[in-house]
PDB file of N, CA and C in Angstrom:
ATOM      1  N   MET A   1      49.516  75.173  24.427  1.00  0.00           N
ATOM      2  CA  MET A   1      48.526  74.276  23.856  1.00  0.00           C
ATOM      3  C   MET A   1      48.850  72.827  24.233  1.00  0.00           C
ATOM      4  N   ILE A   2      47.836  72.023  24.279  1.00  0.00           N
ATOM      5  CA  ILE A   2      48.006  70.600  24.528  1.00  0.00           C
ATOM      6  C   ILE A   2      48.047  69.902  23.179  1.00  0.00           C
ATOM      7  N   ALA A   3      49.091  69.127  22.953  1.00  0.00           N
ATOM      8  CA  ALA A   3      49.201  68.378  21.708  1.00  0.00           C
ATOM      9  C   ALA A   3      48.170  67.261  21.697  1.00  0.00           C
ATOM     10  N   GLN A   4      47.741  66.888  20.501  1.00  0.00           N
ATOM     11  CA  GLN A   4      46.719  65.850  20.346  1.00  0.00           C
ATOM     12  C   GLN A   4      47.107  64.565  21.067  1.00  0.00           C
ATOM     13  N   ASP A   5      48.384  64.191  21.036  1.00  0.00           N
ATOM     14  CA  ASP A   5      48.803  62.942  21.675  1.00  0.00           C
ATOM     15  C   ASP A   5      48.846  63.037  23.205  1.00  0.00           C
ATOM     16  N   GLN A   6      48.607  64.223  23.758  1.00  0.00           N
ATOM     17  CA  GLN A   6      48.559  64.388  25.209  1.00  0.00           C
ATOM     18  C   GLN A   6      47.134  64.350  25.750  1.00  0.00           C
ATOM     19  N   LEU A   7      46.155  64.255  24.887  1.00  0.00           N
ATOM     20  CA  LEU A   7      44.759  64.241  25.318  1.00  0.00           C
ATOM     21  C   LEU A   7      44.317  62.828  25.651  1.00  0.00           C
ATOM     22  N   ASN A   8      43.466  62.706  26.665  1.00  0.00           N
ATOM     23  CA  ASN A   8      42.873  61.420  27.005  1.00  0.00           C
ATOM     24  C   ASN A   8      41.707  61.140  26.072  1.00  0.00           C
ATOM     25  N   SER A   9      41.279  59.889  26.027  1.00  0.00           N
ATOM     26  CA  SER A   9      40.134  59.525  25.188  1.00  0.00           C
ATOM     27  C   SER A   9      38.868  60.237  25.628  1.00  0.00           C
ATOM     28  N   ILE A  10      38.729  60.460  26.920  1.00  0.00           N
ATOM     29  CA  ILE A  10      37.566  61.150  27.474  1.00  0.00           C
ATOM     30  C   ILE A  10      38.062  62.388  28.213  1.00  0.00           C
ATOM     31  N   THR A  11      37.467  63.529  27.918  1.00  0.00           N
ATOM     32  CA  THR A  11      37.824  64.772  28.597  1.00  0.00           C
ATOM     33  C   THR A  11      36.593  65.304  29.305  1.00  0.00           C
ATOM     34  N   LEU A  12      36.684  65.437  30.605  1.00  0.00           N
ATOM     35  CA  LEU A  12      35.597  65.972  31.411  1.00  0.00           C
ATOM     36  C   LEU A  12      35.427  67.453  31.117  1.00  0.00           C
ATOM     37  N   SER A  13      34.186  67.897  30.997  1.00  0.00           N
ATOM     38  CA  SER A  13      33.903  69.304  30.716  1.00  0.00           C
ATOM     39  C   SER A  13      33.000  69.862  31.809  1.00  0.00           C
ATOM     40  N   PHE A  14      33.439  70.956  32.418  1.00  0.00           N
ATOM     41  CA  PHE A  14      32.678  71.629  33.465  1.00  0.00           C
ATOM     42  C   PHE A  14      32.017  72.869  32.887  1.00  0.00           C
ATOM     43  N   THR A  15      30.707  72.974  33.022  1.00  0.00           N
ATOM     44  CA  THR A  15      29.969  74.184  32.676  1.00  0.00           C
ATOM     45  C   THR A  15      29.474  74.759  33.995  1.00  0.00           C
ATOM     46  N   VAL A  16      30.014  75.921  34.365  1.00  0.00           N
ATOM     47  CA  VAL A  16      29.762  76.468  35.700  1.00  0.00           C
ATOM     48  C   VAL A  16      29.486  77.962  35.640  1.00  0.00           C
ATOM     49  N   ASN A  17      28.822  78.463  36.661  1.00  0.00           N
ATOM     50  CA  ASN A  17      28.728  79.907  36.868  1.00  0.00           C
ATOM     51  C   ASN A  17      30.051  80.363  37.476  1.00  0.00           C
ATOM     52  N   SER A  18      30.488  81.555  37.123  1.00  0.00           N
ATOM     53  CA  SER A  18      31.764  82.092  37.635  1.00  0.00           C
ATOM     54  C   SER A  18      32.929  81.175  37.281  1.00  0.00           C
ATOM     55  N   ALA A  19      33.077  80.900  35.981  1.00  0.00           N
ATOM     56  CA  ALA A  19      34.106  79.968  35.510  1.00  0.00           C
ATOM     57  C   ALA A  19      35.516  80.409  35.887  1.00  0.00           C
ATOM     58  N   ALA A  20      35.805  81.700  35.849  1.00  0.00           N
ATOM     59  CA  ALA A  20      37.147  82.170  36.222  1.00  0.00           C
ATOM     60  C   ALA A  20      37.442  81.829  37.681  1.00  0.00           C
ATOM     61  N   LYS A  21      36.455  81.982  38.548  1.00  0.00           N
ATOM     62  CA  LYS A  21      36.614  81.635  39.964  1.00  0.00           C
ATOM     63  C   LYS A  21      36.803  80.127  40.120  1.00  0.00           C
ATOM     64  N   PHE A  22      36.090  79.344  39.311  1.00  0.00           N
ATOM     65  CA  PHE A  22      36.223  77.890  39.339  1.00  0.00           C
ATOM     66  C   PHE A  22      37.643  77.480  38.941  1.00  0.00           C
ATOM     67  N   ILE A  23      38.187  78.107  37.905  1.00  0.00           N
ATOM     68  CA  ILE A  23      39.552  77.806  37.476  1.00  0.00           C
ATOM     69  C   ILE A  23      40.538  78.133  38.595  1.00  0.00           C
ATOM     70  N   ASP A  24      40.328  79.235  39.274  1.00  0.00           N
ATOM     71  CA  ASP A  24      41.179  79.606  40.405  1.00  0.00           C
ATOM     72  C   ASP A  24      41.087  78.553  41.510  1.00  0.00           C
ATOM     73  N   PHE A  25      39.875  78.057  41.772  1.00  0.00           N
ATOM     74  CA  PHE A  25      39.700  76.989  42.757  1.00  0.00           C
ATOM     75  C   PHE A  25      40.487  75.749  42.339  1.00  0.00           C
ATOM     76  N   LEU A  26      40.391  75.355  41.067  1.00  0.00           N
ATOM     77  CA  LEU A  26      41.115  74.173  40.592  1.00  0.00           C
ATOM     78  C   LEU A  26      42.612  74.322  40.805  1.00  0.00           C
ATOM     79  N   ASN A  27      43.120  75.520  40.555  1.00  0.00           N
ATOM     80  CA  ASN A  27      44.545  75.780  40.761  1.00  0.00           C
ATOM     81  C   ASN A  27      44.914  75.625  42.229  1.00  0.00           C
ATOM     82  N   LYS A  28      44.142  76.223  43.116  1.00  0.00           N
ATOM     83  CA  LYS A  28      44.453  76.176  44.550  1.00  0.00           C
ATOM     84  C   LYS A  28      44.217  74.792  45.151  1.00  0.00           C
ATOM     85  N   ALA A  29      43.167  74.125  44.719  1.00  0.00           N
ATOM     86  CA  ALA A  29      42.802  72.835  45.306  1.00  0.00           C
ATOM     87  C   ALA A  29      43.618  71.678  44.754  1.00  0.00           C
ATOM     88  N   PHE A  30      43.913  71.706  43.449  1.00  0.00           N
ATOM     89  CA  PHE A  30      44.502  70.540  42.790  1.00  0.00           C
ATOM     90  C   PHE A  30      45.737  70.859  41.951  1.00  0.00           C
ATOM     91  N   ASN A  31      46.341  72.026  42.168  1.00  0.00           N
ATOM     92  CA  ASN A  31      47.536  72.432  41.413  1.00  0.00           C
ATOM     93  C   ASN A  31      47.303  72.412  39.905  1.00  0.00           C
ATOM     94  N   ALA A  32      46.119  72.785  39.493  1.00  0.00           N
ATOM     95  CA  ALA A  32      45.777  72.802  38.066  1.00  0.00           C
ATOM     96  C   ALA A  32      46.578  73.876  37.339  1.00  0.00           C
ATOM     97  N   GLN A  33      46.799  73.635  36.055  1.00  0.00           N
ATOM     98  CA  GLN A  33      47.501  74.594  35.203  1.00  0.00           C
ATOM     99  C   GLN A  33      46.598  74.965  34.042  1.00  0.00           C
ATOM    100  N   GLU A  34      46.394  76.251  33.858  1.00  0.00           N
ATOM    101  CA  GLU A  34      45.605  76.731  32.723  1.00  0.00           C
ATOM    102  C   GLU A  34      46.468  76.639  31.468  1.00  0.00           C
ATOM    103  N   ILE A  35      46.002  75.877  30.485  1.00  0.00           N
ATOM    104  CA  ILE A  35      46.757  75.675  29.249  1.00  0.00           C
ATOM    105  C   ILE A  35      46.357  76.705  28.199  1.00  0.00           C
ATOM    106  N   VAL A  36      45.060  76.871  28.022  1.00  0.00           N
ATOM    107  CA  VAL A  36      44.557  77.843  27.050  1.00  0.00           C
ATOM    108  C   VAL A  36      43.217  78.359  27.554  1.00  0.00           C
ATOM    109  N   ARG A  37      42.920  79.604  27.233  1.00  0.00           N
ATOM    110  CA  ARG A  37      41.655  80.194  27.695  1.00  0.00           C
ATOM    111  C   ARG A  37      41.185  81.222  26.674  1.00  0.00           C
ATOM    112  N   TYR A  38      39.892  81.153  26.375  1.00  0.00           N
ATOM    113  CA  TYR A  38      39.264  82.104  25.465  1.00  0.00           C
ATOM    114  C   TYR A  38      38.135  82.796  26.216  1.00  0.00           C
ATOM    115  N   ASP A  39      38.247  84.103  26.378  1.00  0.00           N
ATOM    116  CA  ASP A  39      37.232  84.888  27.071  1.00  0.00           C
ATOM    117  C   ASP A  39      36.339  85.617  26.074  1.00  0.00           C
ATOM    118  N   SER A  40      35.098  85.858  26.467  1.00  0.00           N
ATOM    119  CA  SER A  40      34.174  86.661  25.662  1.00  0.00           C
ATOM    120  C   SER A  40      34.578  88.131  25.791  1.00  0.00           C
ATOM    121  N   PRO A  41      34.051  88.998  24.929  1.00  0.00           N
ATOM    122  CA  PRO A  41      34.330  90.431  25.068  1.00  0.00           C
ATOM    123  C   PRO A  41      33.907  90.975  26.442  1.00  0.00           C
ATOM    124  N   GLU A  42      32.933  90.316  27.078  1.00  0.00           N
ATOM    125  CA  GLU A  42      32.471  90.738  28.408  1.00  0.00           C
ATOM    126  C   GLU A  42      33.365  90.200  29.528  1.00  0.00           C
ATOM    127  N   GLY A  43      34.347  89.387  29.176  1.00  0.00           N
ATOM    128  CA  GLY A  43      35.273  88.860  30.171  1.00  0.00           C
ATOM    129  C   GLY A  43      34.909  87.510  30.755  1.00  0.00           C
ATOM    130  N   GLU A  44      33.853  86.867  30.247  1.00  0.00           N
ATOM    131  CA  GLU A  44      33.489  85.537  30.738  1.00  0.00           C
ATOM    132  C   GLU A  44      34.314  84.478  30.010  1.00  0.00           C
ATOM    133  N   VAL A  45      34.583  83.383  30.699  1.00  0.00           N
ATOM    134  CA  VAL A  45      35.339  82.288  30.109  1.00  0.00           C
ATOM    135  C   VAL A  45      34.434  81.542  29.133  1.00  0.00           C
ATOM    136  N   LYS A  46      34.739  81.635  27.843  1.00  0.00           N
ATOM    137  CA  LYS A  46      33.980  80.878  26.838  1.00  0.00           C
ATOM    138  C   LYS A  46      34.452  79.433  26.837  1.00  0.00           C
ATOM    139  N   HIS A  47      35.782  79.254  26.909  1.00  0.00           N
ATOM    140  CA  HIS A  47      36.354  77.905  26.920  1.00  0.00           C
ATOM    141  C   HIS A  47      37.762  77.986  27.492  1.00  0.00           C
ATOM    142  N   ALA A  48      38.088  77.040  28.342  1.00  0.00           N
ATOM    143  CA  ALA A  48      39.449  76.926  28.859  1.00  0.00           C
ATOM    144  C   ALA A  48      39.817  75.454  28.923  1.00  0.00           C
ATOM    145  N   LYS A  49      41.058  75.168  28.652  1.00  0.00           N
ATOM    146  CA  LYS A  49      41.596  73.816  28.800  1.00  0.00           C
ATOM    147  C   LYS A  49      42.544  73.872  29.992  1.00  0.00           C
ATOM    148  N   ILE A  50      42.296  72.993  30.962  1.00  0.00           N
ATOM    149  CA  ILE A  50      43.014  72.987  32.227  1.00  0.00           C
ATOM    150  C   ILE A  50      43.642  71.613  32.427  1.00  0.00           C
ATOM    151  N   ARG A  51      44.906  71.587  32.848  1.00  0.00           N
ATOM    152  CA  ARG A  51      45.558  70.317  33.144  1.00  0.00           C
ATOM    153  C   ARG A  51      45.574  70.117  34.653  1.00  0.00           C
ATOM    154  N   ILE A  52      45.091  68.938  35.065  1.00  0.00           N
ATOM    155  CA  ILE A  52      45.168  68.502  36.458  1.00  0.00           C
ATOM    156  C   ILE A  52      45.893  67.164  36.434  1.00  0.00           C
ATOM    157  N   GLY A  53      47.083  67.129  36.983  1.00  0.00           N
ATOM    158  CA  GLY A  53      47.875  65.904  36.915  1.00  0.00           C
ATOM    159  C   GLY A  53      48.162  65.551  35.472  1.00  0.00           C
ATOM    160  N   LYS A  54      47.796  64.335  35.070  1.00  0.00           N
ATOM    161  CA  LYS A  54      48.032  63.871  33.703  1.00  0.00           C
ATOM    162  C   LYS A  54      46.831  64.078  32.796  1.00  0.00           C
ATOM    163  N   SER A  55      45.780  64.683  33.299  1.00  0.00           N
ATOM    164  CA  SER A  55      44.534  64.816  32.540  1.00  0.00           C
ATOM    165  C   SER A  55      44.224  66.265  32.216  1.00  0.00           C
ATOM    166  N   ALA A  56      43.502  66.451  31.128  1.00  0.00           N
ATOM    167  CA  ALA A  56      43.010  67.777  30.757  1.00  0.00           C
ATOM    168  C   ALA A  56      41.502  67.800  30.963  1.00  0.00           C
ATOM    169  N   VAL A  57      40.998  68.923  31.452  1.00  0.00           N
ATOM    170  CA  VAL A  57      39.560  69.135  31.572  1.00  0.00           C
ATOM    171  C   VAL A  57      39.222  70.440  30.869  1.00  0.00           C
ATOM    172  N   ALA A  58      37.984  70.557  30.444  1.00  0.00           N
ATOM    173  CA  ALA A  58      37.511  71.785  29.809  1.00  0.00           C
ATOM    174  C   ALA A  58      36.613  72.521  30.796  1.00  0.00           C
ATOM    175  N   VAL A  59      36.636  73.851  30.722  1.00  0.00           N
ATOM    176  CA  VAL A  59      35.809  74.685  31.596  1.00  0.00           C
ATOM    177  C   VAL A  59      35.191  75.785  30.757  1.00  0.00           C
ATOM    178  N   GLY A  60      33.906  76.044  30.986  1.00  0.00           N
ATOM    179  CA  GLY A  60      33.237  77.148  30.310  1.00  0.00           C
ATOM    180  C   GLY A  60      32.146  77.739  31.180  1.00  0.00           C
ATOM    181  N   GLU A  61      31.813  78.979  30.884  1.00  0.00           N
ATOM    182  CA  GLU A  61      30.772  79.696  31.626  1.00  0.00           C
ATOM    183  C   GLU A  61      29.395  79.159  31.244  1.00  0.00           C
ATOM    184  N   ALA A  62      28.554  78.919  32.240  1.00  0.00           N
ATOM    185  CA  ALA A  62      27.178  78.482  31.987  1.00  0.00           C
ATOM    186  C   ALA A  62      26.380  79.631  31.372  1.00  0.00           C
ATOM    187  N   ASN A  63      25.383  79.258  30.575  1.00  0.00           N
ATOM    188  CA  ASN A  63      24.469  80.244  29.986  1.00  0.00           C
ATOM    189  C   ASN A  63      23.147  79.542  29.699  1.00  0.00           C
ATOM    190  N   ASP A  64      22.255  80.173  28.963  1.00  0.00           N
ATOM    191  CA  ASP A  64      20.947  79.569  28.688  1.00  0.00           C
ATOM    192  C   ASP A  64      21.066  78.261  27.918  1.00  0.00           C
ATOM    193  N   ARG A  65      22.047  78.163  27.052  1.00  0.00           N
ATOM    194  CA  ARG A  65      22.222  76.943  26.252  1.00  0.00           C
ATOM    195  C   ARG A  65      23.021  75.889  27.012  1.00  0.00           C
ATOM    196  N   TRP A  66      24.071  76.316  27.690  1.00  0.00           N
ATOM    197  CA  TRP A  66      24.962  75.406  28.405  1.00  0.00           C
ATOM    198  C   TRP A  66      24.756  75.603  29.907  1.00  0.00           C
ATOM    199  N   ARG A  67      23.914  74.758  30.478  1.00  0.00           N
ATOM    200  CA  ARG A  67      23.560  74.888  31.896  1.00  0.00           C
ATOM    201  C   ARG A  67      24.581  74.179  32.788  1.00  0.00           C
ATOM    202  N   THR A  68      24.568  74.571  34.047  1.00  0.00           N
ATOM    203  CA  THR A  68      25.472  73.928  35.004  1.00  0.00           C
ATOM    204  C   THR A  68      25.086  72.463  35.174  1.00  0.00           C
ATOM    205  N   LYS A  69      26.101  71.630  35.346  1.00  0.00           N
ATOM    206  CA  LYS A  69      25.888  70.197  35.515  1.00  0.00           C
ATOM    207  C   LYS A  69      26.928  69.659  36.494  1.00  0.00           C
ATOM    208  N   PRO A  70      26.669  69.757  37.789  1.00  0.00           N
ATOM    209  CA  PRO A  70      27.640  69.213  38.746  1.00  0.00           C
ATOM    210  C   PRO A  70      27.863  67.720  38.508  1.00  0.00           C
ATOM    211  N   THR A  71      29.038  67.238  38.875  1.00  0.00           N
ATOM    212  CA  THR A  71      29.378  65.844  38.658  1.00  0.00           C
ATOM    213  C   THR A  71      30.239  65.332  39.805  1.00  0.00           C
ATOM    214  N   MET A  72      30.604  64.064  39.737  1.00  0.00           N
ATOM    215  CA  MET A  72      31.493  63.450  40.715  1.00  0.00           C
ATOM    216  C   MET A  72      32.760  63.019  39.992  1.00  0.00           C
ATOM    217  N   ILE A  73      33.910  63.357  40.575  1.00  0.00           N
ATOM    218  CA  ILE A  73      35.202  63.043  39.986  1.00  0.00           C
ATOM    219  C   ILE A  73      35.969  62.170  40.964  1.00  0.00           C
ATOM    220  N   TYR A  74      36.555  61.093  40.468  1.00  0.00           N
ATOM    221  CA  TYR A  74      37.422  60.225  41.267  1.00  0.00           C
ATOM    222  C   TYR A  74      38.818  60.391  40.693  1.00  0.00           C
ATOM    223  N   MET A  75      39.717  60.946  41.472  1.00  0.00           N
ATOM    224  CA  MET A  75      41.016  61.366  40.961  1.00  0.00           C
ATOM    225  C   MET A  75      42.145  60.731  41.775  1.00  0.00           C
ATOM    226  N   TYR A  76      43.061  60.058  41.078  1.00  0.00           N
ATOM    227  CA  TYR A  76      44.217  59.476  41.753  1.00  0.00           C
ATOM    228  C   TYR A  76      45.300  60.527  41.949  1.00  0.00           C
ATOM    229  N   VAL A  77      45.843  60.570  43.151  1.00  0.00           N
ATOM    230  CA  VAL A  77      46.890  61.515  43.535  1.00  0.00           C
ATOM    231  C   VAL A  77      47.970  60.751  44.308  1.00  0.00           C
ATOM    232  N   GLU A  78      49.130  61.379  44.482  1.00  0.00           N
ATOM    233  CA  GLU A  78      50.215  60.728  45.215  1.00  0.00           C
ATOM    234  C   GLU A  78      49.897  60.554  46.692  1.00  0.00           C
ATOM    235  N   ASP A  79      49.235  61.530  47.291  1.00  0.00           N
ATOM    236  CA  ASP A  79      48.947  61.505  48.728  1.00  0.00           C
ATOM    237  C   ASP A  79      47.535  62.045  48.943  1.00  0.00           C
ATOM    238  N   CYS A  80      46.581  61.145  49.116  1.00  0.00           N
ATOM    239  CA  CYS A  80      45.185  61.595  49.215  1.00  0.00           C
ATOM    240  C   CYS A  80      44.945  62.432  50.465  1.00  0.00           C
ATOM    241  N   ASP A  81      45.654  62.163  51.544  1.00  0.00           N
ATOM    242  CA  ASP A  81      45.466  62.961  52.760  1.00  0.00           C
ATOM    243  C   ASP A  81      45.883  64.412  52.520  1.00  0.00           C
ATOM    244  N   ALA A  82      47.030  64.603  51.886  1.00  0.00           N
ATOM    245  CA  ALA A  82      47.514  65.957  51.592  1.00  0.00           C
ATOM    246  C   ALA A  82      46.604  66.651  50.583  1.00  0.00           C
ATOM    247  N   ALA A  83      46.163  65.919  49.558  1.00  0.00           N
ATOM    248  CA  ALA A  83      45.280  66.510  48.537  1.00  0.00           C
ATOM    249  C   ALA A  83      43.932  66.901  49.140  1.00  0.00           C
ATOM    250  N   TYR A  84      43.416  66.073  50.019  1.00  0.00           N
ATOM    251  CA  TYR A  84      42.155  66.363  50.711  1.00  0.00           C
ATOM    252  C   TYR A  84      42.285  67.654  51.520  1.00  0.00           C
ATOM    253  N   GLU A  85      43.350  67.783  52.297  1.00  0.00           N
ATOM    254  CA  GLU A  85      43.568  68.981  53.116  1.00  0.00           C
ATOM    255  C   GLU A  85      43.758  70.219  52.243  1.00  0.00           C
ATOM    256  N   GLN A  86      44.467  70.076  51.131  1.00  0.00           N
ATOM    257  CA  GLN A  86      44.679  71.203  50.219  1.00  0.00           C
ATOM    258  C   GLN A  86      43.350  71.677  49.637  1.00  0.00           C
ATOM    259  N   ALA A  87      42.489  70.739  49.259  1.00  0.00           N
ATOM    260  CA  ALA A  87      41.174  71.104  48.714  1.00  0.00           C
ATOM    261  C   ALA A  87      40.328  71.833  49.765  1.00  0.00           C
ATOM    262  N   LEU A  88      40.402  71.391  51.008  1.00  0.00           N
ATOM    263  CA  LEU A  88      39.672  72.082  52.081  1.00  0.00           C
ATOM    264  C   LEU A  88      40.189  73.510  52.256  1.00  0.00           C
ATOM    265  N   ARG A  89      41.507  73.677  52.219  1.00  0.00           N
ATOM    266  CA  ARG A  89      42.085  75.023  52.349  1.00  0.00           C
ATOM    267  C   ARG A  89      41.671  75.920  51.182  1.00  0.00           C
ATOM    268  N   ALA A  90      41.394  75.324  50.031  1.00  0.00           N
ATOM    269  CA  ALA A  90      40.973  76.089  48.853  1.00  0.00           C
ATOM    270  C   ALA A  90      39.489  76.447  48.897  1.00  0.00           C
ATOM    271  N   GLY A  91      38.769  75.950  49.911  1.00  0.00           N
ATOM    272  CA  GLY A  91      37.366  76.316  50.061  1.00  0.00           C
ATOM    273  C   GLY A  91      36.365  75.197  49.887  1.00  0.00           C
ATOM    274  N   ALA A  92      36.832  73.987  49.592  1.00  0.00           N
ATOM    275  CA  ALA A  92      35.910  72.854  49.465  1.00  0.00           C
ATOM    276  C   ALA A  92      35.398  72.450  50.846  1.00  0.00           C
ATOM    277  N   LYS A  93      34.258  71.755  50.857  1.00  0.00           N
ATOM    278  CA  LYS A  93      33.680  71.237  52.101  1.00  0.00           C
ATOM    279  C   LYS A  93      33.853  69.725  52.131  1.00  0.00           C
ATOM    280  N   SER A  94      34.082  69.195  53.313  1.00  0.00           N
ATOM    281  CA  SER A  94      34.314  67.764  53.461  1.00  0.00           C
ATOM    282  C   SER A  94      33.039  66.958  53.219  1.00  0.00           C
ATOM    283  N   ILE A  95      33.181  65.891  52.475  1.00  0.00           N
ATOM    284  CA  ILE A  95      32.137  64.871  52.337  1.00  0.00           C
ATOM    285  C   ILE A  95      32.518  63.690  53.223  1.00  0.00           C
ATOM    286  N   SER A  96      33.788  63.269  53.103  1.00  0.00           N
ATOM    287  CA  SER A  96      34.291  62.165  53.920  1.00  0.00           C
ATOM    288  C   SER A  96      35.801  62.313  54.073  1.00  0.00           C
ATOM    289  N   ALA A  97      36.268  62.142  55.293  1.00  0.00           N
ATOM    290  CA  ALA A  97      37.704  62.208  55.564  1.00  0.00           C
ATOM    291  C   ALA A  97      38.397  61.016  54.914  1.00  0.00           C
ATOM    292  N   PRO A  98      39.675  61.142  54.578  1.00  0.00           N
ATOM    293  CA  PRO A  98      40.388  60.015  53.981  1.00  0.00           C
ATOM    294  C   PRO A  98      40.318  58.769  54.864  1.00  0.00           C
ATOM    295  N   ALA A  99      40.074  57.644  54.211  1.00  0.00           N
ATOM    296  CA  ALA A  99      39.988  56.361  54.909  1.00  0.00           C
ATOM    297  C   ALA A  99      40.369  55.253  53.940  1.00  0.00           C
ATOM    298  N   ASP A 100      40.842  54.138  54.489  1.00  0.00           N
ATOM    299  CA  ASP A 100      41.178  52.975  53.678  1.00  0.00           C
ATOM    300  C   ASP A 100      39.894  52.273  53.262  1.00  0.00           C
ATOM    301  N   MET A 101      39.804  51.937  51.985  1.00  0.00           N
ATOM    302  CA  MET A 101      38.620  51.278  51.442  1.00  0.00           C
ATOM    303  C   MET A 101      38.905  49.795  51.194  1.00  0.00           C
ATOM    304  N   SER A 102      37.874  48.968  51.254  1.00  0.00           N
ATOM    305  CA  SER A 102      38.030  47.523  51.085  1.00  0.00           C
ATOM    306  C   SER A 102      38.491  47.143  49.684  1.00  0.00           C
ATOM    307  N   TYR A 103      38.319  48.022  48.708  1.00  0.00           N
ATOM    308  CA  TYR A 103      38.693  47.713  47.325  1.00  0.00           C
ATOM    309  C   TYR A 103      40.118  48.139  46.976  1.00  0.00           C
ATOM    310  N   GLY A 104      40.902  48.555  47.992  1.00  0.00           N
ATOM    311  CA  GLY A 104      42.322  48.779  47.754  1.00  0.00           C
ATOM    312  C   GLY A 104      42.769  50.214  47.572  1.00  0.00           C
ATOM    313  N   ASP A 105      41.891  51.171  47.753  1.00  0.00           N
ATOM    314  CA  ASP A 105      42.265  52.583  47.687  1.00  0.00           C
ATOM    315  C   ASP A 105      42.076  53.227  49.055  1.00  0.00           C
ATOM    316  N   ARG A 106      42.801  54.293  49.288  1.00  0.00           N
ATOM    317  CA  ARG A 106      42.522  55.197  50.398  1.00  0.00           C
ATOM    318  C   ARG A 106      41.982  56.452  49.742  1.00  0.00           C
ATOM    319  N   HIS A 107      40.799  56.896  50.153  1.00  0.00           N
ATOM    320  CA  HIS A 107      40.261  58.112  49.542  1.00  0.00           C
ATOM    321  C   HIS A 107      39.495  58.962  50.538  1.00  0.00           C
ATOM    322  N   GLY A 108      39.398  60.243  50.173  1.00  0.00           N
ATOM    323  CA  GLY A 108      38.591  61.208  50.903  1.00  0.00           C
ATOM    324  C   GLY A 108      37.816  62.029  49.895  1.00  0.00           C
ATOM    325  N   GLY A 109      36.692  62.589  50.315  1.00  0.00           N
ATOM    326  CA  GLY A 109      35.846  63.336  49.390  1.00  0.00           C
ATOM    327  C   GLY A 109      35.564  64.749  49.853  1.00  0.00           C
ATOM    328  N   VAL A 110      35.492  65.656  48.887  1.00  0.00           N
ATOM    329  CA  VAL A 110      35.133  67.055  49.152  1.00  0.00           C
ATOM    330  C   VAL A 110      34.127  67.508  48.099  1.00  0.00           C
ATOM    331  N   GLU A 111      33.416  68.587  48.426  1.00  0.00           N
ATOM    332  CA  GLU A 111      32.490  69.188  47.465  1.00  0.00           C
ATOM    333  C   GLU A 111      32.865  70.648  47.284  1.00  0.00           C
ATOM    334  N   ASP A 112      32.956  71.077  46.020  1.00  0.00           N
ATOM    335  CA  ASP A 112      33.261  72.483  45.756  1.00  0.00           C
ATOM    336  C   ASP A 112      31.971  73.300  45.788  1.00  0.00           C
ATOM    337  N   GLU A 113      32.087  74.610  45.702  1.00  0.00           N
ATOM    338  CA  GLU A 113      30.897  75.471  45.816  1.00  0.00           C
ATOM    339  C   GLU A 113      29.979  75.360  44.612  1.00  0.00           C
ATOM    340  N   TRP A 114      30.405  74.704  43.544  1.00  0.00           N
ATOM    341  CA  TRP A 114      29.577  74.511  42.352  1.00  0.00           C
ATOM    342  C   TRP A 114      28.816  73.191  42.411  1.00  0.00           C
ATOM    343  N   GLY A 115      28.995  72.433  43.497  1.00  0.00           N
ATOM    344  CA  GLY A 115      28.271  71.180  43.680  1.00  0.00           C
ATOM    345  C   GLY A 115      28.987  69.954  43.156  1.00  0.00           C
ATOM    346  N   ASN A 116      30.187  70.119  42.601  1.00  0.00           N
ATOM    347  CA  ASN A 116      30.962  68.970  42.138  1.00  0.00           C
ATOM    348  C   ASN A 116      31.575  68.258  43.333  1.00  0.00           C
ATOM    349  N   GLN A 117      31.536  66.934  43.290  1.00  0.00           N
ATOM    350  CA  GLN A 117      32.152  66.135  44.344  1.00  0.00           C
ATOM    351  C   GLN A 117      33.464  65.566  43.818  1.00  0.00           C
ATOM    352  N   TRP A 118      34.512  65.761  44.586  1.00  0.00           N
ATOM    353  CA  TRP A 118      35.855  65.321  44.220  1.00  0.00           C
ATOM    354  C   TRP A 118      36.324  64.274  45.223  1.00  0.00           C
ATOM    355  N   TYR A 119      36.636  63.086  44.749  1.00  0.00           N
ATOM    356  CA  TYR A 119      37.216  62.056  45.599  1.00  0.00           C
ATOM    357  C   TYR A 119      38.672  61.904  45.191  1.00  0.00           C
ATOM    358  N   VAL A 120      39.571  62.190  46.136  1.00  0.00           N
ATOM    359  CA  VAL A 120      40.999  62.058  45.878  1.00  0.00           C
ATOM    360  C   VAL A 120      41.446  60.734  46.477  1.00  0.00           C
ATOM    361  N   ALA A 121      42.158  59.944  45.682  1.00  0.00           N
ATOM    362  CA  ALA A 121      42.471  58.575  46.078  1.00  0.00           C
ATOM    363  C   ALA A 121      43.935  58.240  45.827  1.00  0.00           C
ATOM    364  N   THR A 122      44.438  57.350  46.671  1.00  0.00           N
ATOM    365  CA  THR A 122      45.773  56.795  46.510  1.00  0.00           C
ATOM    366  C   THR A 122      45.651  55.285  46.668  1.00  0.00           C
ATOM    367  N   PRO A 123      46.210  54.500  45.729  1.00  0.00           N
ATOM    368  CA  PRO A 123      46.167  53.045  45.881  1.00  0.00           C
ATOM    369  C   PRO A 123      46.939  52.609  47.130  1.00  0.00           C
ATOM    370  N   LEU A 124      46.402  51.633  47.834  1.00  0.00           N
ATOM    371  CA  LEU A 124      47.062  51.129  49.033  1.00  0.00           C
ATOM    372  C   LEU A 124      48.182  50.153  48.694  1.00  0.00           C
ATOM    373  N   LEU A 125      48.126  49.537  47.556  1.00  0.00           N
ATOM    374  CA  LEU A 125      49.134  48.531  47.175  1.00  0.00           C
ATOM    375  C   LEU A 125      50.341  49.149  46.556  1.00  0.00           C
TER     376      LEU A 125
END
């Protein structure tokens, strides 16, 4: 379990089809760790708390009430080039190769099969 003092003020929540597959992608692409998971009797992920780096995200299976909502994530990592390549090996598609940005970050972007865009960044300073 994640202790209350380990939670960020804002926690991103992913509602996706094939949530178990999405969690597997997060593990392969971003070294995510599954902290807690509650499955329905049918085996679908009702709710999972996943740690990526210093942040926790929530994941759940989409349904009639909770529809899919792709989003864009900007995530700081130690080495954006390595993280970008790892995400590609996990099945993501390239949006933009890592490059130095005028605002002081180096970042690259990928899109997962659920339509979420992930920008992995490393500060240049």
